[in-house]
Amino acid sequence: MKKLLLLIAFLYTGYSYGQIKFTNPIMAGFYPDPSVTKVGSDYYLVNSTFAYFPGVPVFHSKDLKNWKQIGNVIDRPSQMTFFGDRTSRGLFAPSINYYKGTFYMTCTNIDKRGNFVMTSKKPEGPWSDPVWLPQVRGIDPSLFFDQDKAYIVYNSDAPDNKPLYPGHRTIRTFQFDPVGLKVVGEEVQLVNGGVDISKKPVWIEGPHIFKRGDWYYLCAAEGGTSVNHSQVILRSKQATGPYVPYEKNPILTQRDLDPNRKDPITSTGHAELVDGPDGKTYAIFLAVRPYEGNHYNTGRETFIAPVKWVDGWPIINPDQKEVQYSYTADFKEVKQIAPPQSGNFAYRTTFDKKLDQSLLFLRTNDTSWYSLDKENGLTMKLLPETCMGLGNPAFIGKRQQHLTGSASTQMTFTASQPNEKAGMLIFQGEYNFYYICKSIKDGRQIVQLYKGNRTTKGMDLIIETPVKAKTLQFKIEANRGLYNFLYAESPGKWKILKDKVDGKFLSTETAGGFVGSLYALYGTSSGENTKSTASFKWLDYSGNDAIYKQK
């Protein structure tokens, strides 16, 4: 009886403290290359955005589960634009840090001026203009603050620019002046190749240094960002090395598991470790959810897993081989008033006052071609630019965050010429997209479905049908590797334009690059000037993945 009472008391104590359940990914959809920092009891997270604008979203959480977007680091065209950049170029791998009242974000603009740092007194911004760091040659810079010194650590070239094999890289560091925002002294090489250069490791990248006890730890990704992705750890008694690798590396990978397992999570890596509210260590990292083979349309996403310290080394996901879709921890959940980011959900985005800050433009935000009001919603001018170019088309996108789900909108538009088109995209890259739109042909209003064509650098008509209504609803349904395209001339009276369209065309495996798919509101006059506009009343999104309905 005494043992039973003790057990009840223990359970009651645990329950009263609160237990939180994480659902992976914690940031679903195209939220790659996560970096996280803890300031007091607050957590801040950033992700890569490549050629999309605004760049580098900033999220806040109290519990590592519930994330609310509070801003974007690059939200002014005067800071940076991405004209001429393909969708998967632009910004690579941001890192966020905090030191003595200032937030720092370091990142790489891959095809322009390289590495830079930006600062802000508040994580939501406004953030400064970029300060470029020409001496930092490479990618994935991050900062480490060590009492009275700071360092910038990054992926760089092989020694003397003479790689011994493809993918041979190094990790290097400079001392960093956090006030003058510049490097100090001479560059120091920390890692050559990876944890064991005799095995020809590739793409050592995404480095972070942190200190625990008397040890400095260097945590980095290895193996490339696809199925061979992994996380490795090294340590030293000094920030500048020499670093000794953990003999049981990697500390996280899924590459050795059965690729035919059910509901796989793959390509794990690019991790950063952080202390949770319970004082235990957690890893925030990227991974993907393929629906067949290595095909996934949701891009690289942000996941969480517990960390166990063993003999002075951190092990990510220590109790299972497979990264789990859910974990529990013994601390209190702190919910936020914000659009959900994990599990199944549905909500409507309206356009009566201001744009939701999670919506994405291509390469910049030019406010001259759109307006918002309660009656019409989002009104776009049809621009000559198309989504196949490298400029700023009339395009506003929302991430696809589920393997199974849908997006829909209500649009009012009448084309005056066949070159004028407006509707919805499911968009992965310049030539990997489908476009359901309204246009005109032989004097009749029509609904059309197009598919991007990389060979012709254009788009091919799949199907078209006449319509009479000025106001239409469009819906795109995703079902893993298949998509359905629907329209309605009366609200909710859906007609299938084309179903079971090949969705692998939108997957990273087929399309390449580093981004995920977006549902986008889009209008174009296809290279010609026009005064025509299209108005979108709302954008509905719904996600319904089977994995989250299992009990």
Protein backbone atom coordinates (compact mmCIF):
# COMPACT_ATOMS: atom_id res chain seq x y z
CA MET A 1 0.00 0.00 0.00
CA LYS A 2 2.87 2.34 0.85
CA LYS A 3 4.46 1.71 -2.56
CA LEU A 4 1.14 2.41 -4.28
CA LEU A 5 0.74 5.72 -2.43
CA LEU A 6 4.28 6.69 -3.36
CA LEU A 7 3.58 5.85 -7.00
CA ILE A 8 0.37 7.92 -6.99
CA ALA A 9 2.21 10.83 -5.39
CA PHE A 10 4.96 10.58 -8.01
CA LEU A 11 2.48 10.49 -10.90
CA TYR A 12 0.51 13.36 -9.44
CA THR A 13 3.65 15.45 -9.05
CA GLY A 14 4.65 14.76 -12.66
CA TYR A 15 1.20 15.58 -13.94
CA SER A 16 0.95 18.79 -11.96
CA TYR A 17 4.27 19.95 -13.36
CA GLY A 18 2.92 19.32 -16.83
CA GLN A 19 3.95 17.12 -19.70
CA ILE A 20 4.46 18.48 -23.18
CA LYS A 21 4.11 16.48 -26.40
CA PHE A 22 6.16 17.55 -29.41
CA THR A 23 4.82 16.77 -32.88
CA ASN A 24 7.43 16.47 -35.65
CA PRO A 25 8.16 18.39 -37.67
CA ILE A 26 7.77 21.29 -35.25
CA MET A 27 7.94 23.61 -38.27
CA ALA A 28 6.25 21.78 -41.15
CA GLY A 29 6.98 22.55 -44.78
CA PHE A 30 9.79 24.58 -46.29
CA TYR A 31 11.60 25.64 -43.11
CA PRO A 32 15.15 24.34 -43.67
CA ASP A 33 18.52 24.95 -41.99
CA PRO A 34 17.19 25.81 -38.53
CA SER A 35 19.22 27.77 -36.00
CA VAL A 36 18.02 28.39 -32.46
CA THR A 37 19.20 30.49 -29.53
CA LYS A 38 17.97 30.77 -25.95
CA VAL A 39 17.69 34.13 -24.19
CA GLY A 40 16.49 33.73 -20.62
CA SER A 41 13.33 31.65 -20.89
CA ASP A 42 12.74 32.61 -24.54
CA TYR A 43 13.76 30.76 -27.69
CA TYR A 44 14.32 32.27 -31.13
CA LEU A 45 14.51 30.30 -34.36
CA VAL A 46 15.49 31.24 -37.93
CA ASN A 47 15.44 29.35 -41.24
CA SER A 48 16.79 29.63 -44.78
CA THR A 49 14.63 31.30 -47.43
CA PHE A 50 16.93 31.24 -50.51
CA ALA A 51 15.55 33.62 -53.21
CA TYR A 52 12.22 34.27 -51.47
CA PHE A 53 11.37 37.57 -49.79
CA PRO A 54 11.08 38.49 -46.97
CA GLY A 55 14.22 36.65 -45.98
CA VAL A 56 14.98 34.64 -42.82
CA PRO A 57 11.82 34.40 -40.70
CA VAL A 58 12.22 34.84 -36.94
CA PHE A 59 10.12 32.70 -34.61
CA HIS A 60 9.62 32.89 -30.85
CA SER A 61 8.75 30.12 -28.39
CA LYS A 62 8.68 29.50 -24.66
CA ASP A 63 8.58 25.70 -24.92
CA LEU A 64 10.32 24.63 -28.20
CA LYS A 65 6.94 23.39 -29.45
CA ASN A 66 4.69 26.39 -30.06
CA TRP A 67 6.37 28.81 -32.46
CA LYS A 68 5.07 32.23 -33.44
CA GLN A 69 6.57 34.25 -36.25
CA ILE A 70 7.49 37.67 -34.89
CA GLY A 71 9.32 39.10 -37.88
CA ASN A 72 11.73 38.64 -40.76
CA VAL A 73 15.39 39.64 -40.66
CA ILE A 74 15.33 40.88 -44.25
CA ASP A 75 12.04 42.71 -44.68
CA ARG A 76 13.17 45.83 -46.55
CA PRO A 77 14.33 45.78 -50.19
CA SER A 78 16.96 48.33 -49.16
CA GLN A 79 18.65 45.59 -47.10
CA MET A 80 18.88 43.05 -49.89
CA THR A 81 17.07 41.73 -52.97
CA PHE A 82 17.55 38.55 -55.00
CA PHE A 83 17.02 39.65 -58.60
CA GLY A 84 18.73 37.26 -60.98
CA ASP A 85 18.85 34.45 -58.42
CA ARG A 86 17.19 31.13 -59.15
CA THR A 87 14.72 29.98 -56.53
CA SER A 88 17.22 27.75 -54.72
CA ARG A 89 20.03 30.30 -54.59
CA GLY A 90 19.99 33.49 -52.49
CA LEU A 91 20.28 32.99 -48.72
CA PHE A 92 21.87 29.83 -47.29
CA ALA A 93 21.86 28.69 -43.65
CA PRO A 94 21.32 31.62 -41.26
CA SER A 95 22.46 31.43 -37.65
CA ILE A 96 21.03 33.46 -34.76
CA ASN A 97 22.89 34.44 -31.58
CA TYR A 98 22.47 36.83 -28.66
CA TYR A 99 25.20 38.66 -26.77
CA LYS A 100 25.05 41.57 -24.31
CA GLY A 101 21.71 42.98 -25.44
CA THR A 102 22.18 42.46 -29.18
CA PHE A 103 20.85 39.80 -31.53
CA TYR A 104 23.15 38.71 -34.35
CA MET A 105 22.20 36.91 -37.56
CA THR A 106 24.95 35.57 -39.79
CA CYS A 107 24.23 34.13 -43.24
CA THR A 108 25.50 33.55 -46.79
CA ASN A 109 24.24 35.23 -49.95
CA ILE A 110 25.62 32.49 -52.14
CA ASP A 111 25.91 34.14 -55.57
CA LYS A 112 26.39 37.78 -54.60
CA ARG A 113 28.73 39.10 -51.90
CA GLY A 114 29.05 36.02 -49.72
CA ASN A 115 28.88 36.12 -45.93
CA PHE A 116 27.42 38.89 -43.80
CA VAL A 117 26.15 39.76 -40.33
CA MET A 118 23.08 41.76 -39.29
CA THR A 119 22.10 42.97 -35.83
CA SER A 120 19.06 44.09 -33.89
CA LYS A 121 18.23 45.05 -30.32
CA LYS A 122 14.89 43.25 -30.68
CA PRO A 123 14.47 39.84 -32.33
CA GLU A 124 11.35 41.00 -34.20
CA GLY A 125 13.42 43.82 -35.73
CA PRO A 126 14.02 46.12 -37.32
CA TRP A 127 17.31 44.49 -38.27
CA SER A 128 20.27 46.44 -39.57
CA ASP A 129 21.54 46.50 -43.11
CA PRO A 130 24.04 43.72 -43.84
CA VAL A 131 27.69 44.13 -42.90
CA TRP A 132 29.69 42.06 -45.38
CA LEU A 133 32.56 39.84 -44.26
CA PRO A 134 34.82 39.33 -47.31
CA GLN A 135 37.51 37.49 -45.33
CA VAL A 136 35.01 34.76 -44.42
CA ARG A 137 35.26 32.62 -47.54
CA GLY A 138 32.71 29.82 -47.60
CA ILE A 139 29.17 29.22 -46.33
CA ASP A 140 27.13 28.63 -43.16
CA PRO A 141 28.75 31.15 -40.78
CA SER A 142 27.79 31.12 -37.11
CA LEU A 143 29.00 33.04 -34.07
CA PHE A 144 30.25 31.78 -30.72
CA PHE A 145 30.63 34.12 -27.74
CA ASP A 146 33.15 32.99 -25.13
CA GLN A 147 33.31 35.39 -22.17
CA ASP A 148 35.49 38.23 -23.50
CA LYS A 149 36.06 36.79 -26.98
CA ALA A 150 33.88 35.95 -29.97
CA TYR A 151 34.48 33.71 -32.97
CA ILE A 152 32.90 33.19 -36.37
CA VAL A 153 33.01 29.58 -37.59
CA TYR A 154 32.12 28.43 -41.10
CA ASN A 155 32.49 25.89 -43.90
CA SER A 156 35.34 26.68 -46.26
CA ASP A 157 37.52 25.34 -49.07
CA ALA A 158 39.91 22.44 -48.86
CA PRO A 159 43.45 23.36 -47.71
CA ASP A 160 45.23 25.47 -50.33
CA ASN A 161 42.13 25.08 -52.53
CA LYS A 162 43.35 21.59 -53.45
CA PRO A 163 40.55 19.10 -52.63
CA LEU A 164 41.63 15.49 -52.30
CA TYR A 165 38.19 14.30 -53.46
CA PRO A 166 34.81 15.78 -54.45
CA GLY A 167 33.10 17.32 -51.41
CA HIS A 168 36.37 17.82 -49.48
CA ARG A 169 35.82 20.89 -47.30
CA THR A 170 37.11 22.39 -44.06
CA ILE A 171 35.72 24.13 -40.99
CA ARG A 172 37.55 27.36 -40.18
CA THR A 173 37.27 30.25 -37.75
CA PHE A 174 38.30 33.83 -37.19
CA GLN A 175 38.12 35.77 -33.96
CA PHE A 176 35.25 38.25 -34.34
CA ASP A 177 34.70 41.82 -33.14
CA PRO A 178 31.00 41.95 -32.08
CA VAL A 179 31.03 45.76 -31.88
CA GLY A 180 32.93 46.60 -35.05
CA LEU A 181 31.33 43.61 -36.82
CA LYS A 182 34.57 42.45 -38.43
CA VAL A 183 37.02 39.59 -38.18
CA VAL A 184 40.18 39.88 -36.11
CA GLY A 185 43.57 38.25 -36.59
CA GLU A 186 44.34 35.22 -38.69
CA GLU A 187 42.09 32.44 -39.96
CA VAL A 188 42.41 29.09 -38.12
CA GLN A 189 41.50 25.72 -39.61
CA LEU A 190 39.55 23.57 -37.15
CA VAL A 191 38.55 20.51 -39.18
CA ASN A 192 39.94 19.09 -42.42
CA GLY A 193 37.48 17.01 -44.44
CA GLY A 194 35.41 15.75 -41.53
CA VAL A 195 35.73 13.49 -38.52
CA ASP A 196 37.92 10.96 -40.42
CA ILE A 197 39.52 12.22 -43.62
CA SER A 198 40.77 8.71 -44.47
CA LYS A 199 37.12 7.82 -45.23
CA LYS A 200 36.76 10.82 -47.56
CA PRO A 201 33.89 12.50 -45.71
CA VAL A 202 31.97 15.07 -47.75
CA TRP A 203 30.41 18.45 -47.10
CA ILE A 204 31.33 19.16 -43.50
CA GLU A 205 29.09 22.21 -42.97
CA GLY A 206 26.60 24.04 -40.74
CA PRO A 207 29.09 24.31 -37.83
CA HIS A 208 28.23 25.57 -34.35
CA ILE A 209 30.57 25.90 -31.38
CA PHE A 210 29.25 25.77 -27.82
CA LYS A 211 30.81 25.28 -24.40
CA ARG A 212 29.76 22.81 -21.71
CA GLY A 213 31.83 22.50 -18.58
CA ASP A 214 35.50 22.69 -19.52
CA TRP A 215 34.95 21.49 -23.09
CA TYR A 216 34.36 23.36 -26.32
CA TYR A 217 32.17 21.36 -28.70
CA LEU A 218 32.09 21.70 -32.47
CA CYS A 219 28.83 20.33 -33.87
CA ALA A 220 28.50 20.07 -37.66
CA ALA A 221 26.68 18.29 -40.46
CA GLU A 222 28.41 15.81 -42.73
CA GLY A 223 27.47 13.77 -45.80
CA GLY A 224 25.46 16.31 -47.77
CA THR A 225 21.90 17.43 -47.17
CA SER A 226 20.18 14.44 -48.82
CA VAL A 227 19.80 10.81 -47.65
CA ASN A 228 23.42 10.56 -46.41
CA HIS A 229 23.03 13.59 -44.15
CA SER A 230 24.36 13.21 -40.60
CA GLN A 231 25.43 15.17 -37.55
CA VAL A 232 28.89 14.83 -36.00
CA ILE A 233 30.55 16.19 -32.87
CA LEU A 234 34.13 17.07 -31.90
CA ARG A 235 35.54 18.70 -28.78
CA SER A 236 38.55 20.61 -27.52
CA LYS A 237 39.84 22.35 -24.42
CA GLN A 238 40.21 25.55 -26.46
CA ALA A 239 37.80 27.31 -28.80
CA THR A 240 40.38 27.27 -31.58
CA GLY A 241 41.19 23.56 -31.20
CA PRO A 242 42.64 21.10 -31.76
CA TYR A 243 39.27 19.31 -31.97
CA VAL A 244 39.04 15.58 -31.37
CA PRO A 245 36.08 13.72 -32.93
CA TYR A 246 33.75 11.49 -30.93
CA GLU A 247 34.70 7.87 -31.62
CA LYS A 248 31.02 6.90 -32.04
CA ASN A 249 30.12 9.57 -34.63
CA PRO A 250 27.70 10.33 -36.16
CA ILE A 251 25.48 11.40 -33.28
CA LEU A 252 22.46 11.57 -35.63
CA THR A 253 21.69 9.97 -39.00
CA GLN A 254 18.97 7.93 -40.67
CA ARG A 255 21.04 6.77 -43.65
CA ASP A 256 21.54 3.21 -42.37
CA LEU A 257 17.83 2.48 -41.92
CA ASP A 258 15.56 0.54 -44.28
CA PRO A 259 14.51 3.03 -47.00
CA ASN A 260 11.24 1.10 -47.40
CA ARG A 261 10.14 1.61 -43.78
CA LYS A 262 6.71 3.08 -43.22
CA ASP A 263 6.35 6.86 -42.89
CA PRO A 264 10.10 7.50 -43.02
CA ILE A 265 11.87 10.59 -41.74
CA THR A 266 15.15 10.94 -43.64
CA SER A 267 18.08 13.24 -44.42
CA THR A 268 18.55 14.32 -40.80
CA GLY A 269 21.28 16.82 -39.95
CA HIS A 270 22.17 20.52 -39.75
CA ALA A 271 21.46 20.37 -36.01
CA GLU A 272 21.90 22.88 -33.22
CA LEU A 273 21.73 21.90 -29.56
CA VAL A 274 19.85 23.96 -26.98
CA ASP A 275 18.85 23.59 -23.32
CA GLY A 276 15.12 23.08 -22.82
CA PRO A 277 12.96 24.57 -20.06
CA ASP A 278 13.70 21.41 -18.04
CA GLY A 279 17.47 21.93 -18.25
CA LYS A 280 17.88 18.96 -20.55
CA THR A 281 19.44 19.24 -24.00
CA TYR A 282 17.41 19.11 -27.21
CA ALA A 283 18.45 19.09 -30.86
CA ILE A 284 16.75 21.24 -33.48
CA PHE A 285 17.58 19.94 -36.96
CA LEU A 286 16.34 19.53 -40.50
CA ALA A 287 14.84 16.39 -42.01
CA VAL A 288 12.40 15.43 -44.75
CA ARG A 289 9.29 13.26 -45.10
CA PRO A 290 9.36 11.40 -48.43
CA TYR A 291 6.15 9.77 -49.66
CA GLU A 292 7.87 7.41 -52.12
CA GLY A 293 11.57 6.72 -52.52
CA ASN A 294 13.29 10.05 -52.01
CA HIS A 295 10.38 12.08 -53.37
CA TYR A 296 9.08 14.83 -51.10
CA ASN A 297 7.34 18.09 -52.00
CA THR A 298 7.27 19.75 -48.60
CA GLY A 299 10.94 20.63 -48.64
CA ARG A 300 13.34 20.30 -45.74
CA GLU A 301 11.58 20.88 -42.44
CA THR A 302 12.48 21.64 -38.82
CA PHE A 303 12.41 18.76 -36.31
CA ILE A 304 13.21 18.25 -32.63
CA ALA A 305 14.63 15.29 -30.70
CA PRO A 306 15.96 14.77 -27.16
CA VAL A 307 19.68 14.58 -26.44
CA LYS A 308 21.40 12.38 -23.88
CA TRP A 309 24.90 13.07 -22.60
CA VAL A 310 27.05 9.92 -22.43
CA ASP A 311 30.65 10.11 -21.14
CA GLY A 312 30.79 13.81 -21.99
CA TRP A 313 29.33 13.44 -25.50
CA PRO A 314 25.82 14.36 -26.74
CA ILE A 315 23.73 11.68 -28.48
CA ILE A 316 20.67 12.86 -30.46
CA ASN A 317 17.57 10.63 -30.35
CA PRO A 318 19.38 8.18 -28.04
CA ASP A 319 16.59 5.70 -27.34
CA GLN A 320 15.45 4.88 -30.88
CA LYS A 321 17.05 4.33 -34.25
CA GLU A 322 14.29 6.15 -36.08
CA VAL A 323 13.52 9.80 -35.44
CA GLN A 324 10.01 9.86 -34.00
CA TYR A 325 6.94 11.82 -35.06
CA SER A 326 6.32 12.68 -31.41
CA TYR A 327 8.23 12.99 -28.14
CA THR A 328 7.16 13.93 -24.65
CA ALA A 329 9.00 15.91 -22.00
CA ASP A 330 8.28 16.81 -18.39
CA PHE A 331 7.77 20.54 -18.59
CA LYS A 332 4.86 22.84 -19.14
CA GLU A 333 3.49 23.73 -22.55
CA VAL A 334 3.13 27.46 -23.29
CA LYS A 335 0.73 28.04 -26.17
CA GLN A 336 0.83 31.06 -28.44
CA ILE A 337 -1.81 32.92 -30.42
CA ALA A 338 -0.42 32.15 -33.86
CA PRO A 339 -1.12 30.04 -36.96
CA PRO A 340 -0.25 26.39 -36.21
CA GLN A 341 2.97 24.94 -37.61
CA SER A 342 2.82 21.22 -36.72
CA GLY A 343 0.34 18.36 -36.90
CA ASN A 344 -2.88 18.66 -38.92
CA PHE A 345 -4.58 22.03 -39.12
CA ALA A 346 -6.68 24.30 -41.32
CA TYR A 347 -7.16 28.07 -41.41
CA ARG A 348 -8.07 30.98 -43.67
CA THR A 349 -5.78 33.87 -44.54
CA THR A 350 -7.59 37.11 -45.33
CA PHE A 351 -6.28 40.24 -47.02
CA ASP A 352 -8.29 43.08 -45.54
CA LYS A 353 -5.55 44.87 -43.57
CA LYS A 354 -2.03 43.53 -44.05
CA LEU A 355 -0.29 40.49 -45.45
CA ASP A 356 0.59 37.66 -43.11
CA GLN A 357 4.35 37.85 -42.60
CA SER A 358 4.80 34.16 -43.47
CA LEU A 359 3.71 34.76 -47.09
CA LEU A 360 6.50 34.86 -49.65
CA PHE A 361 7.34 36.92 -52.71
CA LEU A 362 9.95 36.07 -55.31
CA ARG A 363 13.18 38.07 -54.83
CA THR A 364 11.73 41.28 -53.37
CA ASN A 365 8.56 42.94 -52.14
CA ASP A 366 7.43 45.67 -54.54
CA THR A 367 4.27 47.12 -53.00
CA SER A 368 3.40 49.03 -56.19
CA TRP A 369 1.68 46.05 -57.85
CA TYR A 370 -0.73 44.98 -55.12
CA SER A 371 -3.17 46.47 -52.64
CA LEU A 372 -5.32 45.24 -49.77
CA ASP A 373 -8.85 46.17 -48.74
CA LYS A 374 -11.76 44.57 -46.92
CA GLU A 375 -14.11 44.48 -49.91
CA ASN A 376 -11.82 43.01 -52.57
CA GLY A 377 -9.06 41.40 -50.52
CA LEU A 378 -5.73 41.20 -52.35
CA THR A 379 -5.76 42.98 -55.71
CA MET A 380 -2.81 42.29 -58.01
CA LYS A 381 -1.79 44.11 -61.14
CA LEU A 382 -0.93 41.58 -63.83
CA LEU A 383 2.77 42.05 -64.51
CA PRO A 384 4.75 41.18 -67.66
CA GLU A 385 7.11 39.15 -65.46
CA THR A 386 6.42 35.43 -65.17
CA CYS A 387 7.32 32.88 -62.52
CA MET A 388 9.73 31.37 -65.06
CA GLY A 389 11.98 34.43 -65.01
CA LEU A 390 14.42 35.75 -62.43
CA GLY A 391 12.55 38.93 -61.54
CA ASN A 392 9.62 39.87 -59.30
CA PRO A 393 6.36 38.51 -60.76
CA ALA A 394 2.91 39.13 -59.26
CA PHE A 395 3.30 36.11 -56.99
CA ILE A 396 2.47 35.64 -53.30
CA GLY A 397 3.03 32.15 -51.91
CA LYS A 398 2.26 30.03 -48.87
CA ARG A 399 4.29 26.93 -48.00
CA GLN A 400 2.84 23.46 -48.61
CA GLN A 401 3.16 21.99 -45.11
CA HIS A 402 1.50 18.58 -45.54
CA LEU A 403 1.81 15.59 -47.83
CA THR A 404 -1.99 15.48 -48.00
CA GLY A 405 -4.03 18.66 -47.99
CA SER A 406 -5.31 21.52 -50.08
CA ALA A 407 -5.24 25.23 -50.76
CA SER A 408 -8.07 27.25 -52.30
CA THR A 409 -8.98 30.82 -53.12
CA GLN A 410 -11.76 32.98 -54.53
CA MET A 411 -10.71 35.17 -57.43
CA THR A 412 -12.41 37.90 -59.42
CA PHE A 413 -10.80 38.49 -62.82
CA THR A 414 -11.71 38.97 -66.46
CA ALA A 415 -8.98 38.59 -69.07
CA SER A 416 -9.01 40.94 -72.05
CA GLN A 417 -6.27 39.16 -74.04
CA PRO A 418 -5.05 35.52 -74.20
CA ASN A 419 -1.71 36.52 -72.68
CA GLU A 420 -3.50 37.62 -69.48
CA LYS A 421 -3.82 34.87 -66.89
CA ALA A 422 -4.54 34.79 -63.16
CA GLY A 423 -5.05 31.97 -60.69
CA MET A 424 -3.11 29.59 -58.44
CA LEU A 425 0.26 27.90 -58.71
CA ILE A 426 1.72 24.91 -56.98
CA PHE A 427 5.31 26.02 -57.41
CA GLN A 428 8.67 24.41 -56.67
CA GLY A 429 10.96 26.22 -59.09
CA GLU A 430 11.12 28.25 -62.29
CA TYR A 431 10.05 25.32 -64.49
CA ASN A 432 8.64 22.87 -61.96
CA PHE A 433 5.11 24.09 -61.32
CA TYR A 434 1.46 23.64 -62.24
CA TYR A 435 -0.76 26.65 -62.89
CA ILE A 436 -4.57 26.64 -62.78
CA CYS A 437 -5.76 29.96 -64.14
CA LYS A 438 -8.45 31.94 -65.87
CA SER A 439 -7.80 33.48 -69.28
CA ILE A 440 -9.58 34.13 -72.61
CA LYS A 441 -9.55 32.26 -75.92
CA ASP A 442 -11.52 33.04 -79.08
CA GLY A 443 -13.51 35.60 -77.11
CA ARG A 444 -14.57 33.11 -74.42
CA GLN A 445 -13.45 33.07 -70.79
CA ILE A 446 -11.70 29.79 -69.99
CA VAL A 447 -10.00 27.93 -67.16
CA GLN A 448 -6.64 26.39 -68.07
CA LEU A 449 -4.08 24.13 -66.46
CA TYR A 450 -0.41 24.53 -67.41
CA LYS A 451 2.77 22.65 -66.56
CA GLY A 452 6.25 24.19 -66.53
CA ASN A 453 8.71 23.01 -69.18
CA ARG A 454 12.43 23.32 -68.50
CA THR A 455 13.39 22.32 -72.04
CA THR A 456 11.39 25.01 -73.82
CA LYS A 457 11.70 27.46 -70.90
CA GLY A 458 7.97 27.93 -71.08
CA MET A 459 4.82 26.15 -69.98
CA ASP A 460 2.63 23.58 -71.68
CA LEU A 461 -1.17 23.60 -71.76
CA ILE A 462 -2.60 20.40 -70.26
CA ILE A 463 -6.34 21.09 -70.42
CA GLU A 464 -8.81 23.95 -70.73
CA THR A 465 -12.57 24.44 -70.43
CA PRO A 466 -14.93 27.43 -70.90
CA VAL A 467 -16.49 29.27 -67.96
CA LYS A 468 -18.97 32.13 -67.65
CA ALA A 469 -18.55 33.49 -64.12
CA LYS A 470 -16.37 36.52 -63.46
CA THR A 471 -15.67 35.26 -59.93
CA LEU A 472 -14.22 31.75 -59.62
CA GLN A 473 -12.90 29.57 -56.86
CA PHE A 474 -9.76 27.49 -57.42
CA LYS A 475 -8.57 24.55 -55.36
CA ILE A 476 -5.38 22.48 -55.52
CA GLU A 477 -5.45 19.20 -53.62
CA ALA A 478 -2.26 17.34 -52.73
CA ASN A 479 -2.29 13.61 -52.06
CA ARG A 480 1.35 12.66 -51.60
CA GLY A 481 2.58 12.16 -55.19
CA LEU A 482 -0.67 13.18 -56.91
CA TYR A 483 -2.45 16.53 -57.28
CA ASN A 484 -6.00 17.44 -58.23
CA PHE A 485 -6.97 20.78 -59.79
CA LEU A 486 -10.52 22.01 -59.27
CA TYR A 487 -12.60 25.13 -59.99
CA ALA A 488 -16.05 26.38 -59.01
CA GLU A 489 -18.27 28.94 -60.74
CA SER A 490 -20.54 28.97 -57.69
CA PRO A 491 -19.07 28.90 -54.16
CA GLY A 492 -18.24 25.35 -53.14
CA LYS A 493 -19.65 23.73 -56.33
CA TRP A 494 -16.36 22.12 -57.25
CA LYS A 495 -15.64 20.68 -60.68
CA ILE A 496 -12.52 18.67 -61.46
CA LEU A 497 -10.43 20.25 -64.18
CA LYS A 498 -7.76 17.54 -63.96
CA ASP A 499 -7.10 14.95 -61.27
CA LYS A 500 -4.25 12.61 -60.38
CA VAL A 501 -1.59 14.83 -61.93
CA ASP A 502 2.02 13.73 -61.39
CA GLY A 503 3.26 15.38 -58.19
CA LYS A 504 6.76 13.91 -58.36
CA PHE A 505 7.39 16.64 -60.91
CA LEU A 506 7.36 19.02 -57.91
CA SER A 507 9.61 16.91 -55.67
CA THR A 508 13.16 17.87 -54.79
CA GLU A 509 14.28 14.54 -56.26
CA THR A 510 12.94 15.55 -59.68
CA ALA A 511 13.18 19.35 -59.62
CA GLY A 512 16.43 19.66 -57.66
CA GLY A 513 17.30 22.57 -55.43
CA PHE A 514 16.80 23.15 -51.72
CA VAL A 515 13.28 24.54 -51.43
CA GLY A 516 9.80 23.07 -50.91
CA SER A 517 6.60 23.66 -52.84
CA LEU A 518 4.43 26.74 -52.39
CA TYR A 519 0.78 27.39 -53.16
CA ALA A 520 0.84 30.83 -54.78
CA LEU A 521 -1.63 33.45 -55.96
CA TYR A 522 -0.26 34.59 -59.31
CA GLY A 523 -1.17 36.76 -62.27
CA THR A 524 0.79 37.58 -65.40
CA SER A 525 0.41 39.35 -68.73
CA SER A 526 3.13 37.10 -70.18
CA GLY A 527 5.67 39.67 -71.28
CA GLU A 528 3.25 42.42 -72.35
CA ASN A 529 2.04 45.50 -70.51
CA THR A 530 -1.57 45.64 -69.31
CA LYS A 531 -3.79 47.51 -66.88
CA SER A 532 -5.74 44.38 -65.91
CA THR A 533 -5.98 43.30 -62.27
CA ALA A 534 -7.11 40.20 -60.37
CA SER A 535 -8.54 40.20 -56.84
CA PHE A 536 -8.22 37.34 -54.36
CA LYS A 537 -10.68 37.39 -51.47
CA TRP A 538 -8.96 34.83 -49.23
CA LEU A 539 -6.55 31.87 -49.18
CA ASP A 540 -7.66 28.71 -47.37
CA TYR A 541 -5.20 26.04 -46.31
CA SER A 542 -5.90 22.57 -44.91
CA GLY A 543 -3.50 19.76 -43.97
CA ASN A 544 -4.60 16.22 -43.27
CA ASP A 545 -1.65 13.82 -43.03
CA ALA A 546 -2.51 10.27 -41.98
CA ILE A 547 0.44 9.99 -39.58
CA TYR A 548 -1.12 12.57 -37.23
CA LYS A 549 -4.47 10.76 -37.11
CA GLN A 550 -2.99 7.55 -35.73
CA LYS A 551 -3.71 6.79 -32.08
